[in-house]
Amino acid sequence: MYPTTLTQLSRANPFNAPLFSLQETEEPKQSRNLAAAAIAEGDSCEFGSRKYLLLCGFGGIISCGTTHAALVPLDLVKCRMQVDPDKYKSIGKGFSLTLKEDGARGLAKGWAPTFIGYSMQGLCKFGFYEMFKIFYSDMLGEENTYLWRTSLYLAASASAEFFADIALAPMEACKVRIQTCPGYANNLRQCAPKMFAEEGVWAFYKGVVPLWMRQIPYTMMKFACFERTVELLYKHVVPKPRAECTKGEQLIVTFTAGYIAGVFCAIVSHPADSVVSVLNKESGSTAAQVLKKLGPKGVWKGLVARIIMIGTLTALQWFIYDSVKVYFRLPRPPPPEMPESLKKKLGLTE
């Protein structure tokens, strides 16, 4: 009974791998076959072209830079709860203490490195994701791209985030130092030179490994969960095909899928986020030392604040990113469908 039930659950899992493999055929591989690549009427460029990738990167700058900057007050409270949980015991307590000690302006501390850092991260995250998705799709071929699409999303997003975090790390280090070390520096102009004078270039990159630990799982979940959720929403929830939906209706689906993905992203990446916050506050510490100091319970401090922040953040990012695509008339391929050649091999067509 149990093995049969587990097998059924495994097959029903939307993130599962195909339970069969295909034999190599003589059919030539089609490039960019994750979805239709032809220039549709009304599109400004070809899917996968240089213009397409550059504008996707620009969409990433707009979506990540603006949303992270807008949520700086919540992020500041979250970071302080992580590094000083005895003082900042809740979200409400964190806001009230910050307002009492620093005034309303104190809630905006760290906005400049946040905006700059996450703009650079967004450029690499979204631009490289589109690039790696096409690259890996070309390697797999049309049929295997469809069968292994979740693995493709995971691989493309992980590859993109590796480079995105290198771009983010210096500004993230400055942001955390400004927000969690009272009296150290009031702005980026004061913080960056001071950190460099004290610790050299290493001050800006000592958090890159825990940043990878936080951001790569986060981004893998963000993109894979979003892509599959969009697919499931159009299949089971939206009462009409995507082609018949208006641009506004499609953007509502984008926002909904983004929020669902954001909740899972926050949970998966929160322990590493706690380590990054403490590590960038304390000079001379290592990730292993911080992890030992925080303990199993300490790494989950501030989770509720982060779920609210990341859920809203991810939904807005996908909404803005998709809106940029609509504005510039970029190709927006529909959710992937099984290729006709694969249907024939599986006996699904006459």
Protein backbone atom coordinates (compact mmCIF):
# COMPACT_ATOMS: atom_id res chain seq x y z
CA MET A 1 0.00 0.00 0.00
CA TYR A 2 2.61 2.55 1.14
CA PRO A 3 5.05 2.07 -1.77
CA THR A 4 2.15 2.47 -4.21
CA THR A 5 0.93 5.62 -2.46
CA LEU A 6 4.42 7.11 -2.38
CA THR A 7 4.85 6.39 -6.08
CA GLN A 8 1.58 8.13 -6.88
CA LEU A 9 2.55 11.14 -4.79
CA SER A 10 5.94 11.28 -6.49
CA ARG A 11 4.36 11.27 -9.92
CA ALA A 12 1.88 13.97 -8.90
CA ASN A 13 4.67 16.25 -7.62
CA PRO A 14 4.93 19.25 -10.01
CA PHE A 15 8.70 19.42 -9.39
CA ASN A 16 9.38 15.79 -10.25
CA ALA A 17 11.76 14.57 -12.95
CA PRO A 18 10.48 12.48 -15.86
CA LEU A 19 10.11 8.80 -15.03
CA PHE A 20 11.30 7.72 -18.44
CA SER A 21 13.94 8.69 -20.97
CA LEU A 22 13.81 9.15 -24.70
CA GLN A 23 16.00 7.54 -27.29
CA GLU A 24 18.12 9.76 -29.51
CA THR A 25 16.58 10.37 -32.91
CA GLU A 26 17.83 11.91 -36.10
CA GLU A 27 15.56 14.90 -35.74
CA PRO A 28 17.63 18.11 -35.59
CA LYS A 29 17.55 20.09 -32.36
CA GLN A 30 15.62 23.31 -32.53
CA SER A 31 17.20 26.28 -30.83
CA ARG A 32 15.44 28.36 -28.21
CA ASN A 33 12.68 25.84 -27.89
CA LEU A 34 11.61 26.38 -24.30
CA ALA A 35 8.67 28.13 -25.95
CA ALA A 36 7.86 29.57 -29.35
CA ALA A 37 10.80 31.70 -30.49
CA ALA A 38 9.40 33.26 -33.63
CA ILE A 39 8.82 37.01 -33.70
CA ALA A 40 5.11 37.42 -33.15
CA GLU A 41 3.22 40.32 -34.63
CA GLY A 42 3.61 43.35 -32.36
CA ASP A 43 6.84 42.19 -30.68
CA SER A 44 9.78 44.57 -30.81
CA CYS A 45 12.50 41.92 -31.11
CA GLU A 46 13.21 38.22 -31.41
CA PHE A 47 13.08 36.01 -28.34
CA GLY A 48 16.66 35.48 -27.14
CA SER A 49 18.19 38.30 -29.18
CA ARG A 50 20.75 40.70 -27.71
CA LYS A 51 18.11 43.43 -27.45
CA TYR A 52 15.78 41.02 -25.67
CA LEU A 53 18.42 40.04 -23.08
CA LEU A 54 19.52 43.65 -22.47
CA LEU A 55 15.96 44.81 -21.90
CA CYS A 56 15.35 41.84 -19.59
CA GLY A 57 18.39 42.97 -17.60
CA PHE A 58 16.97 46.49 -17.50
CA GLY A 59 13.68 45.06 -16.25
CA GLY A 60 15.65 43.34 -13.50
CA ILE A 61 17.24 46.65 -12.47
CA ILE A 62 13.85 48.35 -12.22
CA SER A 63 12.11 45.48 -10.44
CA CYS A 64 14.81 44.63 -7.88
CA GLY A 65 16.25 48.09 -7.18
CA THR A 66 12.95 49.87 -6.59
CA THR A 67 11.24 47.13 -4.58
CA HIS A 68 14.15 46.51 -2.21
CA ALA A 69 14.61 50.27 -1.68
CA ALA A 70 10.88 50.66 -0.92
CA LEU A 71 11.06 47.98 1.77
CA VAL A 72 14.18 49.33 3.53
CA PRO A 73 12.30 50.14 6.80
CA LEU A 74 11.04 46.56 7.14
CA ASP A 75 14.43 45.18 6.13
CA LEU A 76 16.16 47.37 8.73
CA VAL A 77 13.90 46.07 11.52
CA LYS A 78 14.37 42.49 10.31
CA CYS A 79 18.17 42.83 10.37
CA ARG A 80 18.13 44.33 13.86
CA MET A 81 15.91 41.51 15.13
CA GLN A 82 18.45 39.04 13.75
CA VAL A 83 21.57 40.64 15.26
CA ASP A 84 20.06 41.85 18.57
CA PRO A 85 16.98 39.71 19.36
CA ASP A 86 17.02 40.64 23.06
CA LYS A 87 16.44 44.31 22.27
CA TYR A 88 14.26 43.99 19.15
CA LYS A 89 11.84 41.27 20.20
CA SER A 90 9.13 41.82 17.58
CA ILE A 91 8.38 43.78 14.43
CA GLY A 92 6.29 46.33 16.33
CA LYS A 93 8.95 46.71 19.02
CA GLY A 94 11.61 47.10 16.35
CA PHE A 95 9.76 49.92 14.61
CA SER A 96 8.93 51.74 17.86
CA LEU A 97 12.51 51.58 19.16
CA THR A 98 13.94 52.72 15.83
CA LEU A 99 11.55 55.68 15.69
CA LYS A 100 12.33 56.57 19.30
CA GLU A 101 16.12 56.39 18.90
CA ASP A 102 16.64 57.60 15.31
CA GLY A 103 13.43 59.30 14.30
CA ALA A 104 11.56 58.73 11.04
CA ARG A 105 14.75 59.23 9.02
CA GLY A 106 16.30 56.31 10.86
CA LEU A 107 13.94 53.91 9.08
CA ALA A 108 15.55 54.85 5.76
CA LYS A 109 19.10 53.98 6.84
CA GLY A 110 20.89 51.98 4.18
CA TRP A 111 18.62 52.94 1.28
CA ALA A 112 21.50 53.93 -1.04
CA PRO A 113 23.52 50.67 -0.87
CA THR A 114 20.23 48.77 -1.01
CA PHE A 115 19.13 50.49 -4.22
CA ILE A 116 22.54 50.28 -5.92
CA GLY A 117 23.31 46.73 -4.81
CA TYR A 118 19.98 45.19 -5.68
CA SER A 119 19.82 47.05 -9.00
CA MET A 120 23.09 45.38 -9.97
CA GLN A 121 21.82 42.08 -8.64
CA GLY A 122 18.58 42.43 -10.63
CA LEU A 123 20.51 43.14 -13.82
CA CYS A 124 22.45 39.88 -13.46
CA LYS A 125 19.63 37.82 -11.94
CA PHE A 126 17.02 38.38 -14.64
CA GLY A 127 19.32 39.03 -17.59
CA PHE A 128 21.52 35.99 -16.98
CA TYR A 129 18.50 33.81 -16.12
CA GLU A 130 17.01 34.43 -19.55
CA MET A 131 20.41 33.82 -21.14
CA PHE A 132 21.14 30.59 -19.26
CA LYS A 133 17.60 29.33 -19.82
CA ILE A 134 18.07 29.64 -23.58
CA PHE A 135 21.61 28.19 -23.41
CA TYR A 136 20.57 25.11 -21.45
CA SER A 137 17.46 24.67 -23.59
CA ASP A 138 19.62 24.60 -26.73
CA MET A 139 21.80 21.94 -25.10
CA LEU A 140 18.84 19.73 -24.18
CA GLY A 141 16.76 19.99 -27.32
CA GLU A 142 13.03 20.60 -27.59
CA GLU A 143 11.72 17.36 -26.10
CA ASN A 144 14.10 17.13 -23.14
CA THR A 145 13.60 20.83 -22.45
CA TYR A 146 9.92 20.13 -21.86
CA LEU A 147 10.52 16.95 -19.84
CA TRP A 148 13.23 18.50 -17.66
CA ARG A 149 11.88 22.06 -17.57
CA THR A 150 11.89 22.31 -13.76
CA SER A 151 15.53 21.20 -13.63
CA LEU A 152 16.26 23.73 -16.37
CA TYR A 153 14.67 26.54 -14.35
CA LEU A 154 16.69 25.50 -11.29
CA ALA A 155 19.99 25.31 -13.19
CA ALA A 156 19.48 28.59 -15.06
CA SER A 157 18.48 30.52 -11.92
CA ALA A 158 21.37 29.09 -9.85
CA SER A 159 23.86 30.00 -12.59
CA ALA A 160 22.49 33.54 -12.82
CA GLU A 161 22.45 34.10 -9.07
CA PHE A 162 26.09 33.03 -8.70
CA PHE A 163 27.15 36.11 -10.68
CA ALA A 164 24.38 38.33 -9.28
CA ASP A 165 25.65 37.86 -5.71
CA ILE A 166 29.17 38.89 -6.65
CA ALA A 167 27.67 42.16 -7.90
CA LEU A 168 25.52 42.51 -4.76
CA ALA A 169 28.04 41.61 -2.02
CA PRO A 170 29.84 44.98 -1.55
CA MET A 171 26.64 47.00 -1.19
CA GLU A 172 25.01 44.34 1.02
CA ALA A 173 27.97 44.53 3.40
CA CYS A 174 27.66 48.33 3.59
CA LYS A 175 23.89 48.17 4.06
CA VAL A 176 24.05 45.76 7.00
CA ARG A 177 26.87 47.71 8.67
CA ILE A 178 24.89 50.98 8.43
CA GLN A 179 21.66 49.42 9.68
CA THR A 180 22.98 47.30 12.56
CA CYS A 181 25.96 49.24 13.96
CA PRO A 182 24.72 52.48 15.58
CA GLY A 183 27.21 55.31 15.21
CA TYR A 184 29.40 53.46 12.67
CA ALA A 185 28.23 55.39 9.61
CA ASN A 186 25.12 57.27 8.55
CA ASN A 187 25.36 56.77 4.80
CA LEU A 188 27.21 54.96 2.02
CA ARG A 189 29.75 57.78 1.53
CA GLN A 190 30.90 57.36 5.13
CA CYS A 191 30.60 53.60 5.36
CA ALA A 192 32.44 52.30 2.28
CA PRO A 193 35.74 54.21 2.83
CA LYS A 194 35.72 53.34 6.54
CA MET A 195 35.21 49.63 5.89
CA PHE A 196 37.96 49.63 3.27
CA ALA A 197 40.39 51.41 5.62
CA GLU A 198 39.71 48.93 8.43
CA GLU A 199 39.56 45.60 6.60
CA GLY A 200 40.50 46.21 2.95
CA VAL A 201 38.63 44.71 -0.01
CA TRP A 202 37.83 41.60 2.06
CA ALA A 203 35.32 43.66 4.06
CA PHE A 204 33.05 43.80 1.02
CA TYR A 205 33.31 40.15 0.00
CA LYS A 206 33.62 38.21 3.26
CA GLY A 207 29.87 37.66 3.15
CA VAL A 208 29.72 36.40 -0.44
CA VAL A 209 29.75 32.67 0.50
CA PRO A 210 26.85 32.94 3.00
CA LEU A 211 25.23 35.25 0.45
CA TRP A 212 25.42 32.40 -2.08
CA MET A 213 24.01 30.08 0.60
CA ARG A 214 21.08 32.46 1.07
CA GLN A 215 20.45 33.75 -2.42
CA ILE A 216 21.05 30.72 -4.66
CA PRO A 217 18.41 28.51 -2.95
CA TYR A 218 16.16 31.59 -2.76
CA THR A 219 16.50 32.33 -6.45
CA MET A 220 16.13 28.70 -7.49
CA MET A 221 12.86 28.58 -5.57
CA LYS A 222 11.85 32.02 -6.84
CA PHE A 223 12.16 31.14 -10.51
CA ALA A 224 11.24 27.44 -10.54
CA CYS A 225 8.25 27.88 -8.24
CA PHE A 226 7.08 30.93 -10.18
CA GLU A 227 7.36 29.24 -13.58
CA ARG A 228 5.53 26.09 -12.45
CA THR A 229 2.90 28.06 -10.49
CA VAL A 230 2.09 30.15 -13.57
CA GLU A 231 1.77 26.93 -15.54
CA LEU A 232 -0.58 25.40 -12.94
CA LEU A 233 -2.67 28.57 -12.56
CA TYR A 234 -3.38 28.75 -16.29
CA LYS A 235 -4.11 25.03 -16.37
CA HIS A 236 -6.35 24.68 -13.32
CA VAL A 237 -7.46 28.13 -12.07
CA VAL A 238 -7.74 30.66 -14.90
CA PRO A 239 -11.01 29.88 -16.72
CA LYS A 240 -9.71 30.64 -20.20
CA PRO A 241 -6.48 30.08 -22.19
CA ARG A 242 -3.65 32.55 -21.69
CA ALA A 243 -3.95 33.72 -25.30
CA GLU A 244 -7.50 34.93 -24.56
CA CYS A 245 -6.49 36.81 -21.38
CA THR A 246 -5.88 40.53 -21.50
CA LYS A 247 -2.47 41.94 -20.58
CA GLY A 248 -3.95 43.08 -17.26
CA GLU A 249 -5.30 39.61 -16.46
CA GLN A 250 -1.96 38.07 -17.32
CA LEU A 251 -0.20 40.48 -14.96
CA ILE A 252 -2.60 39.51 -12.14
CA VAL A 253 -1.58 35.87 -12.67
CA THR A 254 2.06 36.99 -12.60
CA PHE A 255 1.56 38.83 -9.27
CA THR A 256 -0.27 35.87 -7.68
CA ALA A 257 2.37 33.34 -8.75
CA GLY A 258 5.10 35.70 -7.57
CA TYR A 259 3.63 35.98 -4.08
CA ILE A 260 3.25 32.21 -3.74
CA ALA A 261 6.87 31.77 -4.83
CA GLY A 262 8.00 34.50 -2.42
CA VAL A 263 6.63 32.75 0.67
CA PHE A 264 8.59 29.59 -0.13
CA CYS A 265 11.68 31.67 -0.97
CA ALA A 266 11.66 33.35 2.45
CA ILE A 267 11.46 30.06 4.35
CA VAL A 268 14.17 28.32 2.32
CA SER A 269 16.71 31.14 2.58
CA HIS A 270 16.08 32.61 6.04
CA PRO A 271 18.76 30.74 8.07
CA ALA A 272 21.49 31.92 5.70
CA ASP A 273 20.03 35.44 5.76
CA SER A 274 20.43 35.51 9.56
CA VAL A 275 24.07 34.44 9.22
CA VAL A 276 24.74 37.16 6.62
CA SER A 277 23.23 39.87 8.84
CA VAL A 278 25.32 38.94 11.89
CA LEU A 279 28.48 38.31 9.84
CA ASN A 280 28.41 41.74 8.21
CA LYS A 281 27.82 43.38 11.61
CA GLU A 282 30.72 41.69 13.41
CA SER A 283 34.21 42.14 11.98
CA GLY A 284 36.51 39.14 12.23
CA SER A 285 33.75 36.53 12.48
CA THR A 286 33.30 33.56 10.16
CA ALA A 287 30.08 31.99 8.91
CA ALA A 288 30.68 28.85 10.99
CA GLN A 289 31.23 30.90 14.18
CA VAL A 290 28.07 32.93 13.60
CA LEU A 291 26.02 29.79 12.89
CA LYS A 292 27.25 28.19 16.12
CA LYS A 293 26.49 31.36 18.07
CA LEU A 294 22.94 31.69 16.73
CA GLY A 295 22.01 28.04 17.22
CA PRO A 296 19.03 26.19 15.67
CA LYS A 297 16.45 28.65 17.03
CA GLY A 298 18.42 31.83 16.49
CA VAL A 299 18.66 31.40 12.73
CA TRP A 300 14.84 31.62 12.49
CA LYS A 301 14.52 34.97 14.30
CA GLY A 302 12.72 37.54 12.15
CA LEU A 303 11.10 34.91 9.89
CA VAL A 304 7.60 36.45 9.99
CA ALA A 305 8.96 39.86 8.99
CA ARG A 306 10.94 38.26 6.19
CA ILE A 307 7.95 36.27 4.88
CA ILE A 308 5.92 39.50 4.68
CA MET A 309 8.83 41.33 3.08
CA ILE A 310 9.91 38.64 0.61
CA GLY A 311 6.37 37.61 -0.34
CA THR A 312 5.46 41.19 -1.21
CA LEU A 313 8.88 41.81 -2.73
CA THR A 314 8.83 38.77 -5.02
CA ALA A 315 5.27 39.43 -6.19
CA LEU A 316 6.09 43.07 -6.99
CA GLN A 317 9.34 42.12 -8.72
CA TRP A 318 7.65 39.67 -11.06
CA PHE A 319 4.81 42.14 -11.68
CA ILE A 320 7.21 44.99 -12.52
CA TYR A 321 9.48 42.73 -14.59
CA ASP A 322 6.56 41.43 -16.64
CA SER A 323 5.19 44.99 -16.99
CA VAL A 324 8.56 46.11 -18.41
CA LYS A 325 8.30 43.29 -20.96
CA VAL A 326 4.81 44.46 -21.88
CA TYR A 327 5.91 48.11 -22.16
CA PHE A 328 8.85 47.32 -24.45
CA ARG A 329 6.77 44.77 -26.39
CA LEU A 330 9.18 41.95 -25.61
CA PRO A 331 8.23 38.35 -26.45
CA ARG A 332 6.37 36.72 -23.55
CA PRO A 333 6.08 33.03 -24.46
CA PRO A 334 3.10 31.13 -23.00
CA PRO A 335 3.59 28.29 -20.50
CA PRO A 336 5.37 25.35 -22.20
CA GLU A 337 3.33 22.65 -23.90
CA MET A 338 4.35 19.13 -24.83
CA PRO A 339 5.92 19.10 -28.33
CA GLU A 340 4.00 17.22 -31.01
CA SER A 341 7.00 14.96 -31.65
CA LEU A 342 6.97 13.90 -27.99
CA LYS A 343 3.23 13.27 -28.07
CA LYS A 344 3.76 10.90 -31.00
CA LYS A 345 6.54 9.02 -29.21
CA LEU A 346 4.35 8.61 -26.14
CA GLY A 347 1.36 7.54 -28.22
CA LEU A 348 -0.74 10.52 -27.15
CA THR A 349 -1.76 11.39 -30.71
CA GLU A 350 -3.25 9.29 -33.47
